[in-house]
C-alpha atoms as a PDB file:
ATOM      1  CA  UNK A   1      49.122 -11.989  28.901  1.00  0.00           C
ATOM      2  CA  UNK A   2      46.681 -14.584  30.351  1.00  0.00           C
ATOM      3  CA  UNK A   3      48.177 -17.911  31.246  1.00  0.00           C
ATOM      4  CA  UNK A   4      47.464 -20.605  28.730  1.00  0.00           C
ATOM      5  CA  UNK A   5      47.374 -24.477  28.773  1.00  0.00           C
ATOM      6  CA  UNK A   6      48.642 -26.681  26.234  1.00  0.00           C
ATOM      7  CA  UNK A   7      47.695 -30.481  26.783  1.00  0.00           C
ATOM      8  CA  UNK A   8      49.940 -32.723  24.905  1.00  0.00           C
ATOM      9  CA  UNK A   9      48.419 -36.042  23.862  1.00  0.00           C
ATOM     10  CA  UNK A  10      49.970 -38.910  22.039  1.00  0.00           C
ATOM     11  CA  UNK A  11      47.561 -40.293  19.387  1.00  0.00           C
ATOM     12  CA  UNK A  12      47.698 -43.347  16.877  1.00  0.00           C
ATOM     13  CA  UNK A  13      46.344 -41.374  13.952  1.00  0.00           C
ATOM     14  CA  UNK A  14      46.688 -37.548  13.941  1.00  0.00           C
ATOM     15  CA  UNK A  15      43.886 -37.126  11.100  1.00  0.00           C
ATOM     16  CA  UNK A  16      41.499 -39.303  12.991  1.00  0.00           C
ATOM     17  CA  UNK A  17      42.101 -37.546  16.378  1.00  0.00           C
ATOM     18  CA  UNK A  18      41.859 -34.091  14.638  1.00  0.00           C
ATOM     19  CA  UNK A  19      38.533 -34.997  13.044  1.00  0.00           C
ATOM     20  CA  UNK A  20      37.269 -36.277  16.451  1.00  0.00           C
ATOM     21  CA  UNK A  21      38.217 -33.168  18.265  1.00  0.00           C
ATOM     22  CA  UNK A  22      36.798 -30.911  15.515  1.00  0.00           C
ATOM     23  CA  UNK A  23      33.372 -32.687  15.942  1.00  0.00           C
ATOM     24  CA  UNK A  24      33.173 -31.947  19.679  1.00  0.00           C
ATOM     25  CA  UNK A  25      33.904 -28.176  18.903  1.00  0.00           C
ATOM     26  CA  UNK A  26      37.742 -27.716  18.926  1.00  0.00           C
ATOM     27  CA  UNK A  27      39.117 -25.655  16.111  1.00  0.00           C
ATOM     28  CA  UNK A  28      42.287 -26.720  14.287  1.00  0.00           C
ATOM     29  CA  UNK A  29      45.060 -23.972  14.265  1.00  0.00           C
ATOM     30  CA  UNK A  30      47.010 -24.766  11.198  1.00  0.00           C
ATOM     31  CA  UNK A  31      49.837 -22.281  12.472  1.00  0.00           C
ATOM     32  CA  UNK A  32      50.875 -25.047  14.883  1.00  0.00           C
ATOM     33  CA  UNK A  33      50.251 -28.109  12.698  1.00  0.00           C
ATOM     34  CA  UNK A  34      52.354 -30.345  10.709  1.00  0.00           C
ATOM     35  CA  UNK A  35      51.962 -34.034   9.522  1.00  0.00           C
ATOM     36  CA  UNK A  36      52.934 -35.133  13.020  1.00  0.00           C
ATOM     37  CA  UNK A  37      50.912 -32.647  15.089  1.00  0.00           C
ATOM     38  CA  UNK A  38      47.485 -30.969  15.191  1.00  0.00           C
ATOM     39  CA  UNK A  39      46.974 -28.075  17.307  1.00  0.00           C
ATOM     40  CA  UNK A  40      43.266 -28.038  18.587  1.00  0.00           C
ATOM     41  CA  UNK A  41      41.921 -24.869  20.208  1.00  0.00           C
ATOM     42  CA  UNK A  42      39.020 -25.179  22.830  1.00  0.00           C
ATOM     43  CA  UNK A  43      39.214 -21.490  23.841  1.00  0.00           C
ATOM     44  CA  UNK A  44      41.582 -18.600  23.872  1.00  0.00           C
ATOM     45  CA  UNK A  45      43.656 -20.228  26.603  1.00  0.00           C
ATOM     46  CA  UNK A  46      43.109 -23.947  26.206  1.00  0.00           C
ATOM     47  CA  UNK A  47      44.842 -26.077  23.420  1.00  0.00           C
ATOM     48  CA  UNK A  48      45.284 -29.758  22.835  1.00  0.00           C
ATOM     49  CA  UNK A  49      48.328 -30.814  20.922  1.00  0.00           C
ATOM     50  CA  UNK A  50      47.718 -34.136  19.201  1.00  0.00           C
ATOM     51  CA  UNK A  51      50.936 -35.877  18.368  1.00  0.00           C
ATOM     52  CA  UNK A  52      52.074 -39.036  16.724  1.00  0.00           C
ATOM     53  CA  UNK A  53      53.839 -41.357  19.252  1.00  0.00           C
ATOM     54  CA  UNK A  54      57.124 -40.661  17.474  1.00  0.00           C
ATOM     55  CA  UNK A  55      56.683 -36.849  17.849  1.00  0.00           C
ATOM     56  CA  UNK A  56      55.499 -37.231  21.445  1.00  0.00           C
ATOM     57  CA  UNK A  57      58.518 -39.286  22.292  1.00  0.00           C
ATOM     58  CA  UNK A  58      60.817 -36.395  21.410  1.00  0.00           C
ATOM     59  CA  UNK A  59      59.694 -34.667  24.542  1.00  0.00           C
ATOM     60  CA  UNK A  60      60.014 -37.551  27.004  1.00  0.00           C
ATOM     61  CA  UNK A  61      62.064 -40.604  27.549  1.00  0.00           C
ATOM     62  CA  UNK A  62      59.225 -42.210  29.333  1.00  0.00           C
ATOM     63  CA  UNK A  63      57.197 -44.941  27.873  1.00  0.00           C
ATOM     64  CA  UNK A  64      53.846 -43.698  26.464  1.00  0.00           C
ATOM     65  CA  UNK A  65      50.966 -45.020  28.546  1.00  0.00           C
ATOM     66  CA  UNK A  66      48.206 -46.853  26.733  1.00  0.00           C
ATOM     67  CA  UNK A  67      45.315 -44.609  27.730  1.00  0.00           C
ATOM     68  CA  UNK A  68      42.730 -47.370  27.316  1.00  0.00           C
ATOM     69  CA  UNK A  69      44.334 -49.370  30.054  1.00  0.00           C
ATOM     70  CA  UNK A  70      46.282 -46.875  32.251  1.00  0.00           C
ATOM     71  CA  UNK A  71      45.167 -43.675  33.667  1.00  0.00           C
ATOM     72  CA  UNK A  72      47.698 -40.942  33.151  1.00  0.00           C
ATOM     73  CA  UNK A  73      45.663 -37.798  33.539  1.00  0.00           C
ATOM     74  CA  UNK A  74      41.974 -36.771  33.856  1.00  0.00           C
ATOM     75  CA  UNK A  75      40.995 -33.843  31.676  1.00  0.00           C
ATOM     76  CA  UNK A  76      37.933 -31.656  32.194  1.00  0.00           C
ATOM     77  CA  UNK A  77      36.355 -29.086  30.140  1.00  0.00           C
ATOM     78  CA  UNK A  78      33.773 -26.555  31.475  1.00  0.00           C
ATOM     79  CA  UNK A  79      30.344 -26.119  29.794  1.00  0.00           C
ATOM     80  CA  UNK A  80      27.919 -23.285  29.838  1.00  0.00           C
ATOM     81  CA  UNK A  81      24.860 -25.344  30.734  1.00  0.00           C
ATOM     82  CA  UNK A  82      23.606 -28.950  31.394  1.00  0.00           C
ATOM     83  CA  UNK A  83      22.431 -29.178  27.670  1.00  0.00           C
ATOM     84  CA  UNK A  84      25.958 -28.232  26.431  1.00  0.00           C
ATOM     85  CA  UNK A  85      27.379 -31.062  28.649  1.00  0.00           C
ATOM     86  CA  UNK A  86      25.009 -33.549  26.891  1.00  0.00           C
ATOM     87  CA  UNK A  87      25.702 -32.037  23.478  1.00  0.00           C
ATOM     88  CA  UNK A  88      29.531 -32.365  23.815  1.00  0.00           C
ATOM     89  CA  UNK A  89      29.349 -35.944  25.119  1.00  0.00           C
ATOM     90  CA  UNK A  90      26.857 -36.853  22.319  1.00  0.00           C
ATOM     91  CA  UNK A  91      29.128 -35.430  19.697  1.00  0.00           C
ATOM     92  CA  UNK A  92      32.092 -37.305  21.173  1.00  0.00           C
ATOM     93  CA  UNK A  93      30.007 -40.589  21.032  1.00  0.00           C
ATOM     94  CA  UNK A  94      28.942 -39.909  17.383  1.00  0.00           C
ATOM     95  CA  UNK A  95      32.463 -39.260  16.414  1.00  0.00           C
ATOM     96  CA  UNK A  96      33.690 -42.624  17.719  1.00  0.00           C
ATOM     97  CA  UNK A  97      34.375 -41.905  21.386  1.00  0.00           C
ATOM     98  CA  UNK A  98      32.925 -43.825  24.303  1.00  0.00           C
ATOM     99  CA  UNK A  99      30.266 -41.897  26.248  1.00  0.00           C
ATOM    100  CA  UNK A 100      30.079 -42.033  30.067  1.00  0.00           C
ATOM    101  CA  UNK A 101      32.922 -44.391  30.920  1.00  0.00           C
ATOM    102  CA  UNK A 102      32.451 -42.934  34.435  1.00  0.00           C
ATOM    103  CA  UNK A 103      29.397 -42.271  36.431  1.00  0.00           C
ATOM    104  CA  UNK A 104      27.586 -39.032  35.845  1.00  0.00           C
ATOM    105  CA  UNK A 105      27.966 -36.282  38.426  1.00  0.00           C
ATOM    106  CA  UNK A 106      24.424 -34.887  39.108  1.00  0.00           C
ATOM    107  CA  UNK A 107      23.880 -32.320  41.916  1.00  0.00           C
ATOM    108  CA  UNK A 108      21.699 -29.113  42.190  1.00  0.00           C
ATOM    109  CA  UNK A 109      24.967 -27.059  41.684  1.00  0.00           C
ATOM    110  CA  UNK A 110      26.877 -29.273  39.246  1.00  0.00           C
ATOM    111  CA  UNK A 111      26.267 -31.679  36.248  1.00  0.00           C
ATOM    112  CA  UNK A 112      29.013 -33.576  34.686  1.00  0.00           C
ATOM    113  CA  UNK A 113      29.518 -36.397  32.206  1.00  0.00           C
ATOM    114  CA  UNK A 114      32.603 -38.017  30.542  1.00  0.00           C
ATOM    115  CA  UNK A 115      33.952 -39.441  27.307  1.00  0.00           C
ATOM    116  CA  UNK A 116      36.898 -41.282  26.102  1.00  0.00           C
ATOM    117  CA  UNK A 117      38.512 -40.220  22.686  1.00  0.00           C
ATOM    118  CA  UNK A 118      39.440 -42.890  20.210  1.00  0.00           C
ATOM    119  CA  UNK A 119      42.875 -43.159  21.738  1.00  0.00           C
ATOM    120  CA  UNK A 120      41.369 -43.768  25.275  1.00  0.00           C
ATOM    121  CA  UNK A 121      42.111 -40.357  26.823  1.00  0.00           C
ATOM    122  CA  UNK A 122      39.335 -39.549  29.436  1.00  0.00           C
ATOM    123  CA  UNK A 123      37.767 -36.272  29.371  1.00  0.00           C
ATOM    124  CA  UNK A 124      35.100 -34.825  31.783  1.00  0.00           C
ATOM    125  CA  UNK A 125      32.575 -32.099  30.752  1.00  0.00           C
ATOM    126  CA  UNK A 126      31.159 -30.178  33.704  1.00  0.00           C
ATOM    127  CA  UNK A 127      28.570 -27.449  34.177  1.00  0.00           C
ATOM    128  CA  UNK A 128      28.636 -25.636  37.574  1.00  0.00           C
ATOM    129  CA  UNK A 129      26.104 -23.206  38.859  1.00  0.00           C
ATOM    130  CA  UNK A 130      28.571 -20.570  40.209  1.00  0.00           C
ATOM    131  CA  UNK A 131      25.754 -18.761  42.024  1.00  0.00           C
ATOM    132  CA  UNK A 132      25.505 -21.716  44.418  1.00  0.00           C
ATOM    133  CA  UNK A 133      28.905 -21.162  45.730  1.00  0.00           C
ATOM    134  CA  UNK A 134      29.663 -18.499  48.381  1.00  0.00           C
ATOM    135  CA  UNK A 135      32.412 -16.089  47.091  1.00  0.00           C
ATOM    136  CA  UNK A 136      35.620 -16.674  48.904  1.00  0.00           C
ATOM    137  CA  UNK A 137      38.098 -13.870  49.536  1.00  0.00           C
ATOM    138  CA  UNK A 138      41.164 -13.782  47.465  1.00  0.00           C
ATOM    139  CA  UNK A 139      44.277 -15.103  49.167  1.00  0.00           C
ATOM    140  CA  UNK A 140      47.794 -14.000  48.495  1.00  0.00           C
ATOM    141  CA  UNK A 141      49.093 -17.475  47.741  1.00  0.00           C
ATOM    142  CA  UNK A 142      46.263 -18.607  45.518  1.00  0.00           C
END
């Protein structure tokens, strides 16, 4: 089985957060949802679990960071093209997010932009021209 990632995010309003992530292209998986949690699927291997603060607190005794004022994690999604980067960030802004809170990354081999979701979680969206990179031999410890 391929390795999967589940990003768990505390949110103030599960319904609002769910609608936001649906707008930018994630699909809700009702199999892993309840009134306190929405499972948002970005791809076969990438999921975001949107949880009320109360639900999130069941998994940690640490104080929940306010993502609007504290950086806890930087999340990044890949895109298939520069246009898709712009499309995703545009959708995020239209859904109530903040577009480009960080400077754009613009190089011949890479293009990236960012957005904050309504709870302040910072996401990057990047396209990379993989042909611009020299293939590296696989290492045993990679």
